[in-house]
Amino acid sequence: MKCWLSHLTVTSSNHGGRESSVVTIVLHVAAAVVVVIVVVVVVVVVVVVVVVVVVVVVVVVVIVVVVEIVV
């Protein structure tokens, strides 16, 4: 990913002037947005997995307790 971005930055800087710095800034902002989105998605997935694991553990414990009481 970084190689791709640096390649684009180098390519755009060949044109020189104000445009290349704007393109570079836009690329950096886009990269930052992508990184933030990826981090948010990873955090959401981890939270969902943790919640599912907790729910499964609670259900198993409840089932075991109920079975022990019944038996």
PDB file of N, CA and C in Angstrom:
ATOM      1  N   MET A   1       0.836  -1.196   0.000  1.00  0.00           N
ATOM      2  CA  MET A   1       0.000   0.000   0.000  1.00  0.00           C
ATOM      3  C   MET A   1       0.871   1.246   0.000  1.00  0.00           C
ATOM      4  N   LYS A   2       1.890   1.254   0.881  1.00  0.00           N
ATOM      5  CA  LYS A   2       2.753   2.425   0.959  1.00  0.00           C
ATOM      6  C   LYS A   2       3.538   2.614  -0.333  1.00  0.00           C
ATOM      7  N   CYS A   3       3.963   1.496  -0.926  1.00  0.00           N
ATOM      8  CA  CYS A   3       4.708   1.590  -2.188  1.00  0.00           C
ATOM      9  C   CYS A   3       3.843   2.233  -3.258  1.00  0.00           C
ATOM     10  N   TRP A   4       2.572   1.823  -3.295  1.00  0.00           N
ATOM     11  CA  TRP A   4       1.637   2.360  -4.279  1.00  0.00           C
ATOM     12  C   TRP A   4       1.464   3.853  -4.075  1.00  0.00           C
ATOM     13  N   LEU A   5       1.300   4.272  -2.817  1.00  0.00           N
ATOM     14  CA  LEU A   5       1.103   5.695  -2.514  1.00  0.00           C
ATOM     15  C   LEU A   5       2.353   6.497  -2.857  1.00  0.00           C
ATOM     16  N   SER A   6       3.541   5.967  -2.502  1.00  0.00           N
ATOM     17  CA  SER A   6       4.763   6.712  -2.779  1.00  0.00           C
ATOM     18  C   SER A   6       4.991   6.795  -4.287  1.00  0.00           C
ATOM     19  N   HIS A   7       4.613   5.738  -5.000  1.00  0.00           N
ATOM     20  CA  HIS A   7       4.738   5.748  -6.465  1.00  0.00           C
ATOM     21  C   HIS A   7       3.860   6.855  -7.048  1.00  0.00           C
ATOM     22  N   LEU A   8       2.625   6.945  -6.553  1.00  0.00           N
ATOM     23  CA  LEU A   8       1.713   7.983  -7.033  1.00  0.00           C
ATOM     24  C   LEU A   8       2.250   9.363  -6.685  1.00  0.00           C
ATOM     25  N   THR A   9       2.813   9.497  -5.485  1.00  0.00           N
ATOM     26  CA  THR A   9       3.352  10.785  -5.055  1.00  0.00           C
ATOM     27  C   THR A   9       4.523  11.189  -5.956  1.00  0.00           C
ATOM     28  N   VAL A  10       5.395  10.237  -6.229  1.00  0.00           N
ATOM     29  CA  VAL A  10       6.546  10.526  -7.094  1.00  0.00           C
ATOM     30  C   VAL A  10       6.053  10.905  -8.495  1.00  0.00           C
ATOM     31  N   THR A  11       5.075  10.159  -8.996  1.00  0.00           N
ATOM     32  CA  THR A  11       4.548  10.428 -10.326  1.00  0.00           C
ATOM     33  C   THR A  11       3.939  11.826 -10.382  1.00  0.00           C
ATOM     34  N   SER A  12       3.184  12.185  -9.330  1.00  0.00           N
ATOM     35  CA  SER A  12       2.511  13.472  -9.352  1.00  0.00           C
ATOM     36  C   SER A  12       3.511  14.612  -9.143  1.00  0.00           C
ATOM     37  N   SER A  13       4.600  14.350  -8.396  1.00  0.00           N
ATOM     38  CA  SER A  13       5.552  15.425  -8.119  1.00  0.00           C
ATOM     39  C   SER A  13       6.360  15.780  -9.367  1.00  0.00           C
ATOM     40  N   ASN A  14       6.386  14.888 -10.360  1.00  0.00           N
ATOM     41  CA  ASN A  14       7.101  15.188 -11.598  1.00  0.00           C
ATOM     42  C   ASN A  14       6.465  16.368 -12.335  1.00  0.00           C
ATOM     43  N   HIS A  15       5.157  16.559 -12.150  1.00  0.00           N
ATOM     44  CA  HIS A  15       4.479  17.672 -12.810  1.00  0.00           C
ATOM     45  C   HIS A  15       4.871  19.005 -12.170  1.00  0.00           C
ATOM     46  N   GLY A  16       5.291  18.935 -10.917  1.00  0.00           N
ATOM     47  CA  GLY A  16       5.799  20.109 -10.226  1.00  0.00           C
ATOM     48  C   GLY A  16       4.709  21.093  -9.840  1.00  0.00           C
ATOM     49  N   GLY A  17       5.120  22.092  -9.041  1.00  0.00           N
ATOM     50  CA  GLY A  17       4.218  23.180  -8.705  1.00  0.00           C
ATOM     51  C   GLY A  17       3.216  22.831  -7.615  1.00  0.00           C
ATOM     52  N   ARG A  18       2.179  23.647  -7.555  1.00  0.00           N
ATOM     53  CA  ARG A  18       1.175  23.547  -6.482  1.00  0.00           C
ATOM     54  C   ARG A  18       0.346  22.263  -6.613  1.00  0.00           C
ATOM     55  N   GLU A  19       0.080  21.821  -7.828  1.00  0.00           N
ATOM     56  CA  GLU A  19      -0.803  20.677  -8.051  1.00  0.00           C
ATOM     57  C   GLU A  19      -0.274  19.420  -7.377  1.00  0.00           C
ATOM     58  N   SER A  20       1.045  19.205  -7.462  1.00  0.00           N
ATOM     59  CA  SER A  20       1.605  17.977  -6.894  1.00  0.00           C
ATOM     60  C   SER A  20       1.444  17.964  -5.382  1.00  0.00           C
ATOM     61  N   SER A  21       1.628  19.122  -4.732  1.00  0.00           N
ATOM     62  CA  SER A  21       1.476  19.149  -3.278  1.00  0.00           C
ATOM     63  C   SER A  21       0.019  18.893  -2.903  1.00  0.00           C
ATOM     64  N   VAL A  22      -0.916  19.412  -3.692  1.00  0.00           N
ATOM     65  CA  VAL A  22      -2.331  19.165  -3.425  1.00  0.00           C
ATOM     66  C   VAL A  22      -2.641  17.682  -3.593  1.00  0.00           C
ATOM     67  N   VAL A  23      -2.123  17.100  -4.673  1.00  0.00           N
ATOM     68  CA  VAL A  23      -2.340  15.667  -4.917  1.00  0.00           C
ATOM     69  C   VAL A  23      -1.742  14.849  -3.775  1.00  0.00           C
ATOM     70  N   THR A  24      -0.549  15.232  -3.340  1.00  0.00           N
ATOM     71  CA  THR A  24       0.104  14.524  -2.232  1.00  0.00           C
ATOM     72  C   THR A  24      -0.746  14.618  -0.973  1.00  0.00           C
ATOM     73  N   ILE A  25      -1.247  15.818  -0.667  1.00  0.00           N
ATOM     74  CA  ILE A  25      -2.091  16.018   0.514  1.00  0.00           C
ATOM     75  C   ILE A  25      -3.352  15.164   0.396  1.00  0.00           C
ATOM     76  N   VAL A  26      -3.973  15.172  -0.780  1.00  0.00           N
ATOM     77  CA  VAL A  26      -5.188  14.377  -0.993  1.00  0.00           C
ATOM     78  C   VAL A  26      -4.879  12.892  -0.800  1.00  0.00           C
ATOM     79  N   LEU A  27      -3.743  12.437  -1.329  1.00  0.00           N
ATOM     80  CA  LEU A  27      -3.364  11.031  -1.169  1.00  0.00           C
ATOM     81  C   LEU A  27      -3.149  10.678   0.300  1.00  0.00           C
ATOM     82  N   HIS A  28      -2.500  11.579   1.028  1.00  0.00           N
ATOM     83  CA  HIS A  28      -2.264  11.331   2.452  1.00  0.00           C
ATOM     84  C   HIS A  28      -3.582  11.285   3.215  1.00  0.00           C
ATOM     85  N   VAL A  29      -4.487  12.210   2.892  1.00  0.00           N
ATOM     86  CA  VAL A  29      -5.799  12.221   3.547  1.00  0.00           C
ATOM     87  C   VAL A  29      -6.557  10.941   3.208  1.00  0.00           C
ATOM     88  N   ALA A  30      -6.520  10.537   1.938  1.00  0.00           N
ATOM     89  CA  ALA A  30      -7.198   9.310   1.524  1.00  0.00           C
ATOM     90  C   ALA A  30      -6.609   8.101   2.247  1.00  0.00           C
ATOM     91  N   ALA A  31      -5.290   8.047   2.358  1.00  0.00           N
ATOM     92  CA  ALA A  31      -4.636   6.946   3.063  1.00  0.00           C
ATOM     93  C   ALA A  31      -5.049   6.936   4.529  1.00  0.00           C
ATOM     94  N   ALA A  32      -5.110   8.123   5.138  1.00  0.00           N
ATOM     95  CA  ALA A  32      -5.516   8.222   6.545  1.00  0.00           C
ATOM     96  C   ALA A  32      -6.956   7.742   6.717  1.00  0.00           C
ATOM     97  N   VAL A  33      -7.832   8.131   5.794  1.00  0.00           N
ATOM     98  CA  VAL A  33      -9.236   7.712   5.859  1.00  0.00           C
ATOM     99  C   VAL A  33      -9.333   6.195   5.736  1.00  0.00           C
ATOM    100  N   VAL A  34      -8.582   5.622   4.799  1.00  0.00           N
ATOM    101  CA  VAL A  34      -8.595   4.163   4.614  1.00  0.00           C
ATOM    102  C   VAL A  34      -8.115   3.464   5.880  1.00  0.00           C
ATOM    103  N   VAL A  35      -7.045   3.982   6.473  1.00  0.00           N
ATOM    104  CA  VAL A  35      -6.504   3.386   7.701  1.00  0.00           C
ATOM    105  C   VAL A  35      -7.538   3.461   8.816  1.00  0.00           C
ATOM    106  N   VAL A  36      -8.201   4.618   8.959  1.00  0.00           N
ATOM    107  CA  VAL A  36      -9.223   4.782   9.998  1.00  0.00           C
ATOM    108  C   VAL A  36     -10.365   3.800   9.775  1.00  0.00           C
ATOM    109  N   ILE A  37     -10.813   3.665   8.516  1.00  0.00           N
ATOM    110  CA  ILE A  37     -11.916   2.740   8.199  1.00  0.00           C
ATOM    111  C   ILE A  37     -11.510   1.310   8.548  1.00  0.00           C
ATOM    112  N   VAL A  38     -10.281   0.920   8.172  1.00  0.00           N
ATOM    113  CA  VAL A  38      -9.806  -0.441   8.458  1.00  0.00           C
ATOM    114  C   VAL A  38      -9.754  -0.678   9.964  1.00  0.00           C
ATOM    115  N   VAL A  39      -9.242   0.305  10.714  1.00  0.00           N
ATOM    116  CA  VAL A  39      -9.159   0.171  12.177  1.00  0.00           C
ATOM    117  C   VAL A  39     -10.556   0.029  12.775  1.00  0.00           C
ATOM    118  N   VAL A  40     -11.496   0.855  12.310  1.00  0.00           N
ATOM    119  CA  VAL A  40     -12.874   0.787  12.827  1.00  0.00           C
ATOM    120  C   VAL A  40     -13.480  -0.584  12.531  1.00  0.00           C
ATOM    121  N   VAL A  41     -13.286  -1.076  11.316  1.00  0.00           N
ATOM    122  CA  VAL A  41     -13.835  -2.387  10.942  1.00  0.00           C
ATOM    123  C   VAL A  41     -13.232  -3.483  11.818  1.00  0.00           C
ATOM    124  N   VAL A  42     -11.923  -3.437  12.037  1.00  0.00           N
ATOM    125  CA  VAL A  42     -11.257  -4.442  12.868  1.00  0.00           C
ATOM    126  C   VAL A  42     -11.797  -4.389  14.299  1.00  0.00           C
ATOM    127  N   VAL A  43     -11.952  -3.171  14.841  1.00  0.00           N
ATOM    128  CA  VAL A  43     -12.471  -3.019  16.206  1.00  0.00           C
ATOM    129  C   VAL A  43     -13.890  -3.577  16.296  1.00  0.00           C
ATOM    130  N   VAL A  44     -14.735  -3.257  15.301  1.00  0.00           N
ATOM    131  CA  VAL A  44     -16.115  -3.754  15.299  1.00  0.00           C
ATOM    132  C   VAL A  44     -16.128  -5.280  15.243  1.00  0.00           C
ATOM    133  N   VAL A  45     -15.303  -5.861  14.384  1.00  0.00           N
ATOM    134  CA  VAL A  45     -15.245  -7.327  14.269  1.00  0.00           C
ATOM    135  C   VAL A  45     -14.799  -7.946  15.591  1.00  0.00           C
ATOM    136  N   VAL A  46     -13.788  -7.364  16.226  1.00  0.00           N
ATOM    137  CA  VAL A  46     -13.299  -7.890  17.511  1.00  0.00           C
ATOM    138  C   VAL A  46     -14.399  -7.798  18.563  1.00  0.00           C
ATOM    139  N   VAL A  47     -15.102  -6.669  18.619  1.00  0.00           N
ATOM    140  CA  VAL A  47     -16.183  -6.497  19.598  1.00  0.00           C
ATOM    141  C   VAL A  47     -17.282  -7.527  19.354  1.00  0.00           C
ATOM    142  N   VAL A  48     -17.654  -7.727  18.086  1.00  0.00           N
ATOM    143  CA  VAL A  48     -18.701  -8.709  17.758  1.00  0.00           C
ATOM    144  C   VAL A  48     -18.264 -10.110  18.173  1.00  0.00           C
ATOM    145  N   VAL A  49     -17.024 -10.467  17.884  1.00  0.00           N
ATOM    146  CA  VAL A  49     -16.516 -11.795  18.252  1.00  0.00           C
ATOM    147  C   VAL A  49     -16.543 -11.961  19.777  1.00  0.00           C
ATOM    148  N   VAL A  50     -16.105 -10.945  20.503  1.00  0.00           N
ATOM    149  CA  VAL A  50     -16.097 -11.015  21.970  1.00  0.00           C
ATOM    150  C   VAL A  50     -17.521 -11.180  22.501  1.00  0.00           C
ATOM    151  N   VAL A  51     -18.457 -10.409  21.962  1.00  0.00           N
ATOM    152  CA  VAL A  51     -19.856 -10.493  22.396  1.00  0.00           C
ATOM    153  C   VAL A  51     -20.406 -11.897  22.121  1.00  0.00           C
ATOM    154  N   VAL A  52     -20.137 -12.426  20.930  1.00  0.00           N
ATOM    155  CA  VAL A  52     -20.620 -13.768  20.585  1.00  0.00           C
ATOM    156  C   VAL A  52     -20.034 -14.805  21.538  1.00  0.00           C
ATOM    157  N   VAL A  53     -18.742 -14.721  21.819  1.00  0.00           N
ATOM    158  CA  VAL A  53     -18.095 -15.668  22.725  1.00  0.00           C
ATOM    159  C   VAL A  53     -18.722 -15.567  24.122  1.00  0.00           C
ATOM    160  N   VAL A  54     -18.947 -14.354  24.615  1.00  0.00           N
ATOM    161  CA  VAL A  54     -19.550 -14.165  25.941  1.00  0.00           C
ATOM    162  C   VAL A  54     -20.953 -14.754  25.970  1.00  0.00           C
ATOM    163  N   VAL A  55     -21.743 -14.495  24.928  1.00  0.00           N
ATOM    164  CA  VAL A  55     -23.108 -15.029  24.867  1.00  0.00           C
ATOM    165  C   VAL A  55     -23.084 -16.555  24.863  1.00  0.00           C
ATOM    166  N   VAL A  56     -22.196 -17.147  24.069  1.00  0.00           N
ATOM    167  CA  VAL A  56     -22.094 -18.613  24.003  1.00  0.00           C
ATOM    168  C   VAL A  56     -21.703 -19.177  25.370  1.00  0.00           C
ATOM    169  N   VAL A  57     -20.743 -18.559  26.028  1.00  0.00           N
ATOM    170  CA  VAL A  57     -20.303 -19.024  27.347  1.00  0.00           C
ATOM    171  C   VAL A  57     -21.461 -18.929  28.344  1.00  0.00           C
ATOM    172  N   VAL A  58     -22.195 -17.817  28.343  1.00  0.00           N
ATOM    173  CA  VAL A  58     -23.325 -17.641  29.254  1.00  0.00           C
ATOM    174  C   VAL A  58     -24.394 -18.699  28.986  1.00  0.00           C
ATOM    175  N   VAL A  59     -24.704 -18.938  27.725  1.00  0.00           N
ATOM    176  CA  VAL A  59     -25.714 -19.938  27.363  1.00  0.00           C
ATOM    177  C   VAL A  59     -25.269 -21.327  27.830  1.00  0.00           C
ATOM    178  N   VAL A  60     -24.017 -21.668  27.601  1.00  0.00           N
ATOM    179  CA  VAL A  60     -23.504 -22.985  28.022  1.00  0.00           C
ATOM    180  C   VAL A  60     -23.580 -23.112  29.543  1.00  0.00           C
ATOM    181  N   VAL A  61     -23.196 -22.077  30.265  1.00  0.00           N
ATOM    182  CA  VAL A  61     -23.238 -22.108  31.730  1.00  0.00           C
ATOM    183  C   VAL A  61     -24.679 -22.276  32.208  1.00  0.00           C
ATOM    184  N   VAL A  62     -25.614 -21.539  31.614  1.00  0.00           N
ATOM    185  CA  VAL A  62     -27.029 -21.636  31.990  1.00  0.00           C
ATOM    186  C   VAL A  62     -27.542 -23.051  31.723  1.00  0.00           C
ATOM    187  N   ILE A  63     -27.201 -23.614  30.570  1.00  0.00           N
ATOM    188  CA  ILE A  63     -27.640 -24.971  30.222  1.00  0.00           C
ATOM    189  C   ILE A  63     -27.083 -25.972  31.235  1.00  0.00           C
ATOM    190  N   VAL A  64     -25.799 -25.850  31.571  1.00  0.00           N
ATOM    191  CA  VAL A  64     -25.170 -26.765  32.526  1.00  0.00           C
ATOM    192  C   VAL A  64     -25.850 -26.638  33.885  1.00  0.00           C
ATOM    193  N   VAL A  65     -26.121 -25.415  34.340  1.00  0.00           N
ATOM    194  CA  VAL A  65     -26.763 -25.197  35.637  1.00  0.00           C
ATOM    195  C   VAL A  65     -28.168 -25.798  35.629  1.00  0.00           C
ATOM    196  N   VAL A  66     -28.924 -25.559  34.563  1.00  0.00           N
ATOM    197  CA  VAL A  66     -30.284 -26.091  34.459  1.00  0.00           C
ATOM    198  C   VAL A  66     -30.251 -27.628  34.468  1.00  0.00           C
ATOM    199  N   VAL A  67     -29.331 -28.217  33.720  1.00  0.00           N
ATOM    200  CA  VAL A  67     -29.207 -29.679  33.666  1.00  0.00           C
ATOM    201  C   VAL A  67     -28.851 -30.217  35.053  1.00  0.00           C
ATOM    202  N   GLU A  68     -27.955 -29.552  35.762  1.00  0.00           N
ATOM    203  CA  GLU A  68     -27.559 -29.983  37.108  1.00  0.00           C
ATOM    204  C   GLU A  68     -28.753 -29.921  38.060  1.00  0.00           C
ATOM    205  N   ILE A  69     -29.550 -28.847  37.957  1.00  0.00           N
ATOM    206  CA  ILE A  69     -30.723 -28.683  38.825  1.00  0.00           C
ATOM    207  C   ILE A  69     -31.747 -29.768  38.502  1.00  0.00           C
ATOM    208  N   VAL A  70     -32.004 -30.008  37.231  1.00  0.00           N
ATOM    209  CA  VAL A  70     -33.007 -30.993  36.804  1.00  0.00           C
ATOM    210  C   VAL A  70     -32.557 -32.398  37.202  1.00  0.00           C
ATOM    211  N   VAL A  71     -31.275 -32.692  36.987  1.00  0.00           N
ATOM    212  CA  VAL A  71     -30.764 -34.032  37.293  1.00  0.00           C
ATOM    213  C   VAL A  71     -30.484 -34.119  38.788  1.00  0.00           C
TER     214      VAL A  71
END
